[in-house]
Protein backbone atom coordinates (compact mmCIF):
# COMPACT_ATOMS: atom_id res chain seq x y z
CA MET A 1 4.43 9.21 9.35
CA PRO A 2 4.01 12.98 9.39
CA LEU A 3 3.99 14.85 6.12
CA SER A 4 6.91 17.01 5.07
CA GLU A 5 6.35 20.74 4.70
CA HIS A 6 6.18 20.43 0.91
CA GLU A 7 3.65 17.59 1.10
CA GLN A 8 1.55 19.53 3.62
CA ARG A 9 1.54 22.60 1.34
CA MET A 10 0.51 20.44 -1.63
CA LEU A 11 -2.29 18.84 0.41
CA ASP A 12 -3.53 22.28 1.52
CA GLN A 13 -3.45 23.47 -2.08
CA ILE A 14 -5.46 20.45 -3.25
CA GLU A 15 -7.96 20.99 -0.45
CA ARG A 16 -8.41 24.68 -1.36
CA ALA A 17 -8.87 23.73 -5.02
CA LEU A 18 -11.53 21.18 -4.06
CA TYR A 19 -13.39 23.77 -1.99
CA ALA A 20 -13.21 26.27 -4.85
CA GLU A 21 -14.40 23.76 -7.45
CA ASP A 22 -17.19 22.00 -5.52
CA PRO A 23 -17.83 23.41 -2.03
CA LYS A 24 -20.95 21.29 -1.43
CA PHE A 25 -19.07 18.03 -2.08
CA ALA A 26 -16.09 19.20 -0.01
CA ASN A 27 -18.33 20.00 2.97
CA THR A 28 -20.11 16.67 2.65
CA VAL A 29 -16.82 14.77 2.60
CA ARG A 30 -15.42 16.76 5.50
CA GLN A 31 -18.50 16.23 7.69
CA THR A 32 -18.92 12.51 6.98
CA ASN A 33 -17.92 10.31 9.88
CA PRO A 34 -16.43 7.01 8.64
CA ALA A 35 -17.67 5.20 11.75
CA VAL A 36 -21.27 5.71 10.57
CA HIS A 37 -20.40 4.01 7.28
CA TYR A 38 -18.83 1.05 9.08
CA LYS A 39 -21.81 0.73 11.44
CA ARG A 40 -24.06 0.39 8.39
CA TRP A 41 -21.77 -2.37 7.12
CA ILE A 42 -22.07 -4.15 10.48
CA ILE A 43 -25.87 -3.97 10.37
CA LYS A 44 -25.98 -5.26 6.78
CA ALA A 45 -23.56 -8.06 7.67
CA GLY A 46 -25.73 -9.02 10.64
CA LEU A 47 -28.81 -9.19 8.46
CA GLY A 48 -26.93 -11.27 5.90
CA PHE A 49 -25.77 -13.59 8.66
CA VAL A 50 -29.39 -14.12 9.75
CA VAL A 51 -30.35 -14.88 6.12
CA GLY A 52 -27.53 -17.43 6.02
CA VAL A 53 -28.79 -19.09 9.21
CA VAL A 54 -32.31 -19.27 7.75
CA LEU A 55 -30.98 -20.85 4.54
CA LEU A 56 -28.90 -23.32 6.52
CA MET A 57 -31.89 -24.39 8.63
CA THR A 58 -34.14 -24.54 5.57
CA GLY A 59 -31.65 -26.80 3.83
CA LEU A 60 -31.56 -29.10 6.82
CA MET A 61 -35.37 -29.42 6.85
CA LEU A 62 -35.79 -30.31 3.16
CA GLN A 63 -36.45 -33.89 2.11
CA SER A 64 -34.39 -33.90 -1.11
CA THR A 65 -30.70 -34.62 -0.43
CA ALA A 66 -29.29 -32.68 -3.38
CA ALA A 67 -31.29 -29.55 -2.56
CA GLN A 68 -30.62 -30.03 1.13
CA VAL A 69 -26.85 -30.00 0.64
CA ALA A 70 -26.87 -27.14 -1.88
CA ILE A 71 -29.04 -24.83 0.22
CA SER A 72 -27.20 -25.69 3.45
CA VAL A 73 -23.80 -25.02 1.87
CA LEU A 74 -25.08 -21.75 0.37
CA GLY A 75 -26.42 -20.71 3.77
CA PHE A 76 -23.12 -21.53 5.45
CA LEU A 77 -21.12 -19.59 2.85
CA ILE A 78 -23.40 -16.57 3.25
CA MET A 79 -22.97 -16.77 7.03
CA LEU A 80 -19.20 -17.01 6.70
CA LEU A 81 -18.88 -14.12 4.26
CA CYS A 82 -21.19 -11.90 6.29
CA PHE A 83 -19.27 -12.70 9.45
CA LEU A 84 -15.97 -11.75 7.81
CA TRP A 85 -17.51 -8.59 6.35
CA GLY A 86 -18.94 -7.61 9.74
CA ALA A 87 -15.70 -8.38 11.57
CA ASN A 88 -13.75 -6.24 9.11
CA ALA A 89 -16.22 -3.37 9.52
CA TRP A 90 -16.10 -3.77 13.32
CA ARG A 91 -12.29 -3.54 13.26
CA LYS A 92 -12.38 -0.43 11.10
CA ALA A 93 -15.10 1.20 13.22
CA ALA A 94 -13.02 0.55 16.33
CA GLY A 95 -10.03 2.35 14.80
CA GLY A 96 -7.98 -0.58 13.52
CA GLY A 97 -8.26 0.39 9.86
CA ALA A 98 -5.66 2.40 7.99
CA GLU A 99 -8.35 4.68 6.58
CA HIS A 100 -9.12 6.17 9.97
CA GLY A 101 -6.79 9.12 9.56
CA THR A 102 -3.44 10.32 10.77
CA ALA A 103 -4.54 11.18 14.30
CA LYS A 104 -4.45 7.53 15.32
CA ALA A 105 -1.35 6.71 13.28
CA GLU A 106 0.88 9.40 14.79
CA PRO A 107 1.09 7.98 18.33
CA LYS A 108 1.98 4.61 16.85
CA GLN A 109 4.88 6.20 14.94
CA LYS A 110 6.13 7.95 18.07
CA ARG A 111 6.06 4.69 20.00
CA ARG A 112 8.01 2.87 17.29
CA GLY A 113 10.81 5.39 17.24
CA GLY A 114 11.61 4.76 20.91
CA GLY A 115 13.72 1.70 20.25
CA SER A 116 12.01 -0.27 23.01
CA ARG A 117 10.09 -2.38 20.50
CA PRO A 118 10.98 -6.03 20.95
CA GLY A 119 11.25 -8.40 18.06
CA MET A 120 12.99 -9.15 14.85
CA MET A 121 12.54 -5.72 13.24
CA ASN A 122 14.12 -4.00 16.22
CA ARG A 123 17.18 -6.23 15.95
CA PHE A 124 17.45 -5.58 12.21
CA GLU A 125 17.16 -1.83 12.74
CA GLU A 126 19.80 -1.92 15.47
CA ARG A 127 22.21 -3.90 13.27
CA TRP A 128 21.63 -1.53 10.37
CA ARG A 129 22.27 1.50 12.59
CA ARG A 130 25.51 -0.02 13.89
CA ARG A 131 26.70 -0.79 10.35
CA GLN A 132 26.01 2.75 9.23
CA GLU A 133 27.94 4.12 12.21
CA GLY A 134 30.84 1.78 11.52
CA GLU A 135 30.59 -0.24 14.73
CA GLU A 136 30.50 -3.69 13.02
């Protein structure tokens, strides 16, 4: 959703104030690419997944049943969590996250306004529009 003129002016004013107060921080934030951050998350998640596999295999090779189950379950949980963390980072790095900026969100808004969107929400919106116009 695009910003109104007032909101855009307020955002510009906040940005100018940030540059005036701490220009080094403002430049760092402006130049940081979020995709690099998400790629680091993917690498860390991959390493964690490997650690989980090693724990799982180690648990399977132990002789003691209690330790075997505990270490294997821990390894599996680490694998699962790292997979979910990596998948989330992968989605965000590919542009599926909401934090990726307004440039990707604007075309989506334009497409929604066309009225060609199938589904329940389109029907609700159409009914609401007809009620407001006095057709029903």
